[in-house]
PDB file of N, CA and C in Angstrom:
ATOM      1  N   MET A   1     139.129  76.949  89.122  1.00  0.00           N
ATOM      2  CA  MET A   1     139.006  78.089  90.016  1.00  0.00           C
ATOM      3  C   MET A   1     138.698  77.582  91.408  1.00  0.00           C
ATOM      4  N   LEU A   2     139.292  78.181  92.398  1.00  0.00           N
ATOM      5  CA  LEU A   2     139.046  77.818  93.776  1.00  0.00           C
ATOM      6  C   LEU A   2     137.917  78.582  94.316  1.00  0.00           C
ATOM      7  N   TYR A   3     136.706  77.936  94.350  1.00  0.00           N
ATOM      8  CA  TYR A   3     135.489  78.554  94.807  1.00  0.00           C
ATOM      9  C   TYR A   3     135.306  79.930  94.129  1.00  0.00           C
ATOM     10  N   ARG A   4     135.058  80.951  94.934  1.00  0.00           N
ATOM     11  CA  ARG A   4     134.903  82.309  94.356  1.00  0.00           C
ATOM     12  C   ARG A   4     136.127  83.167  94.643  1.00  0.00           C
ATOM     13  N   SER A   5     137.278  82.560  94.641  1.00  0.00           N
ATOM     14  CA  SER A   5     138.520  83.289  94.889  1.00  0.00           C
ATOM     15  C   SER A   5     139.162  83.717  93.575  1.00  0.00           C
ATOM     16  N   ASN A   6     140.322  84.284  93.672  1.00  0.00           N
ATOM     17  CA  ASN A   6     141.057  84.754  92.496  1.00  0.00           C
ATOM     18  C   ASN A   6     142.140  83.766  92.081  1.00  0.00           C
ATOM     19  N   ILE A   7     142.125  82.513  92.622  1.00  0.00           N
ATOM     20  CA  ILE A   7     143.133  81.508  92.280  1.00  0.00           C
ATOM     21  C   ILE A   7     142.591  80.585  91.218  1.00  0.00           C
ATOM     22  N   LEU A   8     143.408  80.363  90.165  1.00  0.00           N
ATOM     23  CA  LEU A   8     143.053  79.484  89.069  1.00  0.00           C
ATOM     24  C   LEU A   8     144.184  78.466  88.873  1.00  0.00           C
ATOM     25  N   ALA A   9     143.852  77.271  88.431  1.00  0.00           N
ATOM     26  CA  ALA A   9     144.833  76.283  88.009  1.00  0.00           C
ATOM     27  C   ALA A   9     144.798  76.203  86.492  1.00  0.00           C
ATOM     28  N   LEU A  10     145.918  76.446  85.849  1.00  0.00           N
ATOM     29  CA  LEU A  10     146.005  76.446  84.360  1.00  0.00           C
ATOM     30  C   LEU A  10     146.856  75.285  83.864  1.00  0.00           C
ATOM     31  N   VAL A  11     146.346  74.586  82.870  1.00  0.00           N
ATOM     32  CA  VAL A  11     147.057  73.473  82.220  1.00  0.00           C
ATOM     33  C   VAL A  11     146.898  73.664  80.721  1.00  0.00           C
ATOM     34  N   GLY A  12     147.951  73.383  79.979  1.00  0.00           N
ATOM     35  CA  GLY A  12     147.880  73.502  78.542  1.00  0.00           C
ATOM     36  C   GLY A  12     147.084  72.390  77.914  1.00  0.00           C
ATOM     37  N   GLY A  13     146.484  72.672  76.756  1.00  0.00           N
ATOM     38  CA  GLY A  13     145.714  71.660  76.056  1.00  0.00           C
ATOM     39  C   GLY A  13     145.229  72.203  74.714  1.00  0.00           C
ATOM     40  N   GLY A  14     144.562  71.359  73.945  1.00  0.00           N
ATOM     41  CA  GLY A  14     144.028  71.764  72.655  1.00  0.00           C
ATOM     42  C   GLY A  14     145.033  71.581  71.524  1.00  0.00           C
ATOM     43  N   SER A  15     144.755  72.068  70.375  1.00  0.00           N
ATOM     44  CA  SER A  15     145.617  71.865  69.224  1.00  0.00           C
ATOM     45  C   SER A  15     146.874  72.716  69.285  1.00  0.00           C
ATOM     46  N   THR A  16     146.786  73.929  69.820  1.00  0.00           N
ATOM     47  CA  THR A  16     147.974  74.776  70.003  1.00  0.00           C
ATOM     48  C   THR A  16     147.969  75.308  71.442  1.00  0.00           C
ATOM     49  N   PRO A  17     148.456  74.508  72.402  1.00  0.00           N
ATOM     50  CA  PRO A  17     148.393  74.874  73.817  1.00  0.00           C
ATOM     51  C   PRO A  17     149.265  76.087  74.128  1.00  0.00           C
ATOM     52  N   ALA A  18     148.721  76.973  74.971  1.00  0.00           N
ATOM     53  CA  ALA A  18     149.488  78.144  75.428  1.00  0.00           C
ATOM     54  C   ALA A  18     150.479  77.758  76.524  1.00  0.00           C
ATOM     55  N   PHE A  19     150.191  76.680  77.228  1.00  0.00           N
ATOM     56  CA  PHE A  19     151.033  76.178  78.303  1.00  0.00           C
ATOM     57  C   PHE A  19     151.376  74.726  78.006  1.00  0.00           C
ATOM     58  N   GLN A  20     152.435  74.221  78.667  1.00  0.00           N
ATOM     59  CA  GLN A  20     152.807  72.830  78.489  1.00  0.00           C
ATOM     60  C   GLN A  20     151.750  71.935  79.119  1.00  0.00           C
ATOM     61  N   THR A  21     151.525  70.757  78.512  1.00  0.00           N
ATOM     62  CA  THR A  21     150.491  69.879  78.978  1.00  0.00           C
ATOM     63  C   THR A  21     150.933  69.067  80.240  1.00  0.00           C
ATOM     64  N   ASN A  22     152.193  69.133  80.597  1.00  0.00           N
ATOM     65  CA  ASN A  22     152.670  68.389  81.765  1.00  0.00           C
ATOM     66  C   ASN A  22     152.933  69.316  82.954  1.00  0.00           C
ATOM     67  N   LYS A  23     152.430  70.535  82.924  1.00  0.00           N
ATOM     68  CA  LYS A  23     152.606  71.500  84.031  1.00  0.00           C
ATOM     69  C   LYS A  23     151.279  72.050  84.494  1.00  0.00           C
ATOM     70  N   VAL A  24     151.234  72.311  85.807  1.00  0.00           N
ATOM     71  CA  VAL A  24     150.058  72.996  86.374  1.00  0.00           C
ATOM     72  C   VAL A  24     150.563  74.353  86.889  1.00  0.00           C
ATOM     73  N   LEU A  25     149.994  75.398  86.404  1.00  0.00           N
ATOM     74  CA  LEU A  25     150.357  76.751  86.868  1.00  0.00           C
ATOM     75  C   LEU A  25     149.233  77.288  87.775  1.00  0.00           C
ATOM     76  N   MET A  26     149.587  77.726  88.985  1.00  0.00           N
ATOM     77  CA  MET A  26     148.651  78.336  89.886  1.00  0.00           C
ATOM     78  C   MET A  26     148.694  79.840  89.643  1.00  0.00           C
ATOM     79  N   TRP A  27     147.594  80.413  89.214  1.00  0.00           N
ATOM     80  CA  TRP A  27     147.561  81.812  88.803  1.00  0.00           C
ATOM     81  C   TRP A  27     146.684  82.591  89.779  1.00  0.00           C
ATOM     82  N   ASP A  28     147.209  83.707  90.269  1.00  0.00           N
ATOM     83  CA  ASP A  28     146.472  84.639  91.119  1.00  0.00           C
ATOM     84  C   ASP A  28     145.990  85.762  90.210  1.00  0.00           C
ATOM     85  N   ASP A  29     144.713  85.789  89.932  1.00  0.00           N
ATOM     86  CA  ASP A  29     144.167  86.783  88.988  1.00  0.00           C
ATOM     87  C   ASP A  29     144.146  88.187  89.589  1.00  0.00           C
ATOM     88  N   ASN A  30     144.120  88.272  90.888  1.00  0.00           N
ATOM     89  CA  ASN A  30     144.157  89.563  91.549  1.00  0.00           C
ATOM     90  C   ASN A  30     145.492  90.257  91.382  1.00  0.00           C
ATOM     91  N   GLN A  31     146.567  89.478  91.532  1.00  0.00           N
ATOM     92  CA  GLN A  31     147.928  90.016  91.383  1.00  0.00           C
ATOM     93  C   GLN A  31     148.429  89.928  89.936  1.00  0.00           C
ATOM     94  N   GLN A  32     147.691  89.191  89.072  1.00  0.00           N
ATOM     95  CA  GLN A  32     148.059  89.006  87.692  1.00  0.00           C
ATOM     96  C   GLN A  32     149.461  88.383  87.552  1.00  0.00           C
ATOM     97  N   LYS A  33     149.699  87.296  88.364  1.00  0.00           N
ATOM     98  CA  LYS A  33     150.986  86.605  88.272  1.00  0.00           C
ATOM     99  C   LYS A  33     150.820  85.162  88.705  1.00  0.00           C
ATOM    100  N   CYS A  34     151.814  84.358  88.314  1.00  0.00           N
ATOM    101  CA  CYS A  34     151.860  82.967  88.670  1.00  0.00           C
ATOM    102  C   CYS A  34     152.408  82.830  90.101  1.00  0.00           C
ATOM    103  N   ILE A  35     151.690  82.121  90.961  1.00  0.00           N
ATOM    104  CA  ILE A  35     152.102  81.974  92.342  1.00  0.00           C
ATOM    105  C   ILE A  35     152.700  80.576  92.654  1.00  0.00           C
ATOM    106  N   GLY A  36     152.637  79.697  91.650  1.00  0.00           N
ATOM    107  CA  GLY A  36     153.214  78.364  91.816  1.00  0.00           C
ATOM    108  C   GLY A  36     153.165  77.572  90.521  1.00  0.00           C
ATOM    109  N   GLU A  37     154.024  76.574  90.468  1.00  0.00           N
ATOM    110  CA  GLU A  37     154.097  75.727  89.281  1.00  0.00           C
ATOM    111  C   GLU A  37     154.514  74.332  89.691  1.00  0.00           C
ATOM    112  N   MET A  38     153.835  73.352  89.093  1.00  0.00           N
ATOM    113  CA  MET A  38     154.129  71.930  89.359  1.00  0.00           C
ATOM    114  C   MET A  38     154.375  71.242  88.027  1.00  0.00           C
ATOM    115  N   SER A  39     155.507  70.543  87.915  1.00  0.00           N
ATOM    116  CA  SER A  39     155.868  69.842  86.685  1.00  0.00           C
ATOM    117  C   SER A  39     155.757  68.349  86.881  1.00  0.00           C
ATOM    118  N   PHE A  40     155.351  67.625  85.828  1.00  0.00           N
ATOM    119  CA  PHE A  40     155.197  66.184  85.905  1.00  0.00           C
ATOM    120  C   PHE A  40     155.830  65.578  84.649  1.00  0.00           C
ATOM    121  N   LYS A  41     156.079  64.258  84.689  1.00  0.00           N
ATOM    122  CA  LYS A  41     156.671  63.568  83.547  1.00  0.00           C
ATOM    123  C   LYS A  41     155.631  63.217  82.513  1.00  0.00           C
ATOM    124  N   ALA A  42     154.375  63.158  82.896  1.00  0.00           N
ATOM    125  CA  ALA A  42     153.281  62.794  81.958  1.00  0.00           C
ATOM    126  C   ALA A  42     152.309  63.950  81.852  1.00  0.00           C
ATOM    127  N   PRO A  43     151.483  63.972  80.782  1.00  0.00           N
ATOM    128  CA  PRO A  43     150.504  65.025  80.655  1.00  0.00           C
ATOM    129  C   PRO A  43     149.451  65.004  81.768  1.00  0.00           C
ATOM    130  N   VAL A  44     149.011  66.167  82.187  1.00  0.00           N
ATOM    131  CA  VAL A  44     148.013  66.298  83.243  1.00  0.00           C
ATOM    132  C   VAL A  44     146.616  66.072  82.647  1.00  0.00           C
ATOM    133  N   LYS A  45     145.861  65.194  83.263  1.00  0.00           N
ATOM    134  CA  LYS A  45     144.494  64.873  82.736  1.00  0.00           C
ATOM    135  C   LYS A  45     143.438  65.710  83.443  1.00  0.00           C
ATOM    136  N   ALA A  46     143.633  66.050  84.742  1.00  0.00           N
ATOM    137  CA  ALA A  46     142.623  66.822  85.484  1.00  0.00           C
ATOM    138  C   ALA A  46     143.283  67.474  86.729  1.00  0.00           C
ATOM    139  N   VAL A  47     142.671  68.578  87.143  1.00  0.00           N
ATOM    140  CA  VAL A  47     143.093  69.246  88.362  1.00  0.00           C
ATOM    141  C   VAL A  47     141.837  69.631  89.156  1.00  0.00           C
ATOM    142  N   ARG A  48     141.849  69.375  90.439  1.00  0.00           N
ATOM    143  CA  ARG A  48     140.755  69.804  91.310  1.00  0.00           C
ATOM    144  C   ARG A  48     141.302  70.573  92.462  1.00  0.00           C
ATOM    145  N   LEU A  49     140.694  71.684  92.787  1.00  0.00           N
ATOM    146  CA  LEU A  49     141.115  72.541  93.887  1.00  0.00           C
ATOM    147  C   LEU A  49     140.113  72.474  95.028  1.00  0.00           C
ATOM    148  N   ARG A  50     140.618  72.372  96.240  1.00  0.00           N
ATOM    149  CA  ARG A  50     139.831  72.440  97.424  1.00  0.00           C
ATOM    150  C   ARG A  50     140.452  73.483  98.353  1.00  0.00           C
ATOM    151  N   LYS A  51     139.818  73.798  99.435  1.00  0.00           N
ATOM    152  CA  LYS A  51     140.310  74.820 100.350  1.00  0.00           C
ATOM    153  C   LYS A  51     141.696  74.465 100.907  1.00  0.00           C
ATOM    154  N   GLU A  52     141.942  73.201 101.182  1.00  0.00           N
ATOM    155  CA  GLU A  52     143.198  72.777 101.771  1.00  0.00           C
ATOM    156  C   GLU A  52     144.097  71.959 100.828  1.00  0.00           C
ATOM    157  N   LYS A  53     143.542  71.507  99.667  1.00  0.00           N
ATOM    158  CA  LYS A  53     144.260  70.550  98.832  1.00  0.00           C
ATOM    159  C   LYS A  53     144.179  70.913  97.355  1.00  0.00           C
ATOM    160  N   ILE A  54     145.219  70.459  96.615  1.00  0.00           N
ATOM    161  CA  ILE A  54     145.251  70.487  95.160  1.00  0.00           C
ATOM    162  C   ILE A  54     145.412  69.031  94.746  1.00  0.00           C
ATOM    163  N   VAL A  55     144.516  68.536  93.899  1.00  0.00           N
ATOM    164  CA  VAL A  55     144.600  67.160  93.372  1.00  0.00           C
ATOM    165  C   VAL A  55     144.918  67.224  91.889  1.00  0.00           C
ATOM    166  N   VAL A  56     146.004  66.549  91.499  1.00  0.00           N
ATOM    167  CA  VAL A  56     146.422  66.514  90.091  1.00  0.00           C
ATOM    168  C   VAL A  56     146.342  65.076  89.646  1.00  0.00           C
ATOM    169  N   VAL A  57     145.629  64.838  88.513  1.00  0.00           N
ATOM    170  CA  VAL A  57     145.460  63.490  87.970  1.00  0.00           C
ATOM    171  C   VAL A  57     146.258  63.342  86.720  1.00  0.00           C
ATOM    172  N   LEU A  58     147.099  62.294  86.681  1.00  0.00           N
ATOM    173  CA  LEU A  58     147.825  61.900  85.481  1.00  0.00           C
ATOM    174  C   LEU A  58     147.217  60.566  84.947  1.00  0.00           C
ATOM    175  N   GLU A  59     147.801  60.026  83.932  1.00  0.00           N
ATOM    176  CA  GLU A  59     147.264  58.769  83.374  1.00  0.00           C
ATOM    177  C   GLU A  59     147.281  57.640  84.368  1.00  0.00           C
ATOM    178  N   HIS A  60     148.400  57.488  85.113  1.00  0.00           N
ATOM    179  CA  HIS A  60     148.538  56.340  86.005  1.00  0.00           C
ATOM    180  C   HIS A  60     148.804  56.725  87.462  1.00  0.00           C
ATOM    181  N   LYS A  61     148.718  58.021  87.788  1.00  0.00           N
ATOM    182  CA  LYS A  61     148.992  58.451  89.162  1.00  0.00           C
ATOM    183  C   LYS A  61     148.069  59.621  89.545  1.00  0.00           C
ATOM    184  N   VAL A  62     147.869  59.773  90.859  1.00  0.00           N
ATOM    185  CA  VAL A  62     147.151  60.907  91.396  1.00  0.00           C
ATOM    186  C   VAL A  62     148.029  61.527  92.472  1.00  0.00           C
ATOM    187  N   TYR A  63     148.246  62.851  92.390  1.00  0.00           N
ATOM    188  CA  TYR A  63     149.038  63.537  93.384  1.00  0.00           C
ATOM    189  C   TYR A  63     148.141  64.471  94.189  1.00  0.00           C
ATOM    190  N   VAL A  64     148.406  64.550  95.462  1.00  0.00           N
ATOM    191  CA  VAL A  64     147.676  65.426  96.371  1.00  0.00           C
ATOM    192  C   VAL A  64     148.674  66.353  97.071  1.00  0.00           C
ATOM    193  N   TYR A  65     148.415  67.651  96.938  1.00  0.00           N
ATOM    194  CA  TYR A  65     149.310  68.674  97.517  1.00  0.00           C
ATOM    195  C   TYR A  65     148.562  69.512  98.549  1.00  0.00           C
ATOM    196  N   LYS A  66     149.291  70.035  99.535  1.00  0.00           N
ATOM    197  CA  LYS A  66     148.710  71.004 100.459  1.00  0.00           C
ATOM    198  C   LYS A  66     148.618  72.330  99.714  1.00  0.00           C
ATOM    199  N   PHE A  67     147.506  72.995  99.851  1.00  0.00           N
ATOM    200  CA  PHE A  67     147.303  74.268  99.124  1.00  0.00           C
ATOM    201  C   PHE A  67     148.162  75.390  99.711  1.00  0.00           C
ATOM    202  N   SER A  68     148.377  75.393 100.988  1.00  0.00           N
ATOM    203  CA  SER A  68     149.083  76.504 101.648  1.00  0.00           C
ATOM    204  C   SER A  68     150.524  76.647 101.176  1.00  0.00           C
ATOM    205  N   ASP A  69     151.256  75.515 101.058  1.00  0.00           N
ATOM    206  CA  ASP A  69     152.662  75.595 100.641  1.00  0.00           C
ATOM    207  C   ASP A  69     153.006  74.753  99.429  1.00  0.00           C
ATOM    208  N   MET A  70     151.983  74.104  98.826  1.00  0.00           N
ATOM    209  CA  MET A  70     152.146  73.300  97.630  1.00  0.00           C
ATOM    210  C   MET A  70     153.115  72.149  97.818  1.00  0.00           C
ATOM    211  N   LYS A  71     153.165  71.570  99.014  1.00  0.00           N
ATOM    212  CA  LYS A  71     154.000  70.406  99.294  1.00  0.00           C
ATOM    213  C   LYS A  71     153.193  69.130  99.047  1.00  0.00           C
ATOM    214  N   LEU A  72     153.863  68.111  98.556  1.00  0.00           N
ATOM    215  CA  LEU A  72     153.228  66.854  98.254  1.00  0.00           C
ATOM    216  C   LEU A  72     152.795  66.090  99.536  1.00  0.00           C
ATOM    217  N   ILE A  73     151.532  65.699  99.570  1.00  0.00           N
ATOM    218  CA  ILE A  73     151.000  64.908 100.676  1.00  0.00           C
ATOM    219  C   ILE A  73     151.086  63.450 100.304  1.00  0.00           C
ATOM    220  N   GLU A  74     150.494  63.100  99.138  1.00  0.00           N
ATOM    221  CA  GLU A  74     150.470  61.686  98.681  1.00  0.00           C
ATOM    222  C   GLU A  74     150.712  61.625  97.189  1.00  0.00           C
TER     223      GLU A  74
END
């Protein structure tokens, strides 16, 4: 969750995941819809949200995206 906002990052996991483990879904709980999706070749290990950035951690890589337009920074 991004601070006290209505934005959540969802990743599948567990024994019967509701979402794929290699995708990050950005969910706006206020609008009750997905506002963005990022797909990767490997399973997502962690996601961190900041005011300006989204950080996605995979097994051997870390991706940093701009929050405003979800474009890759690094």
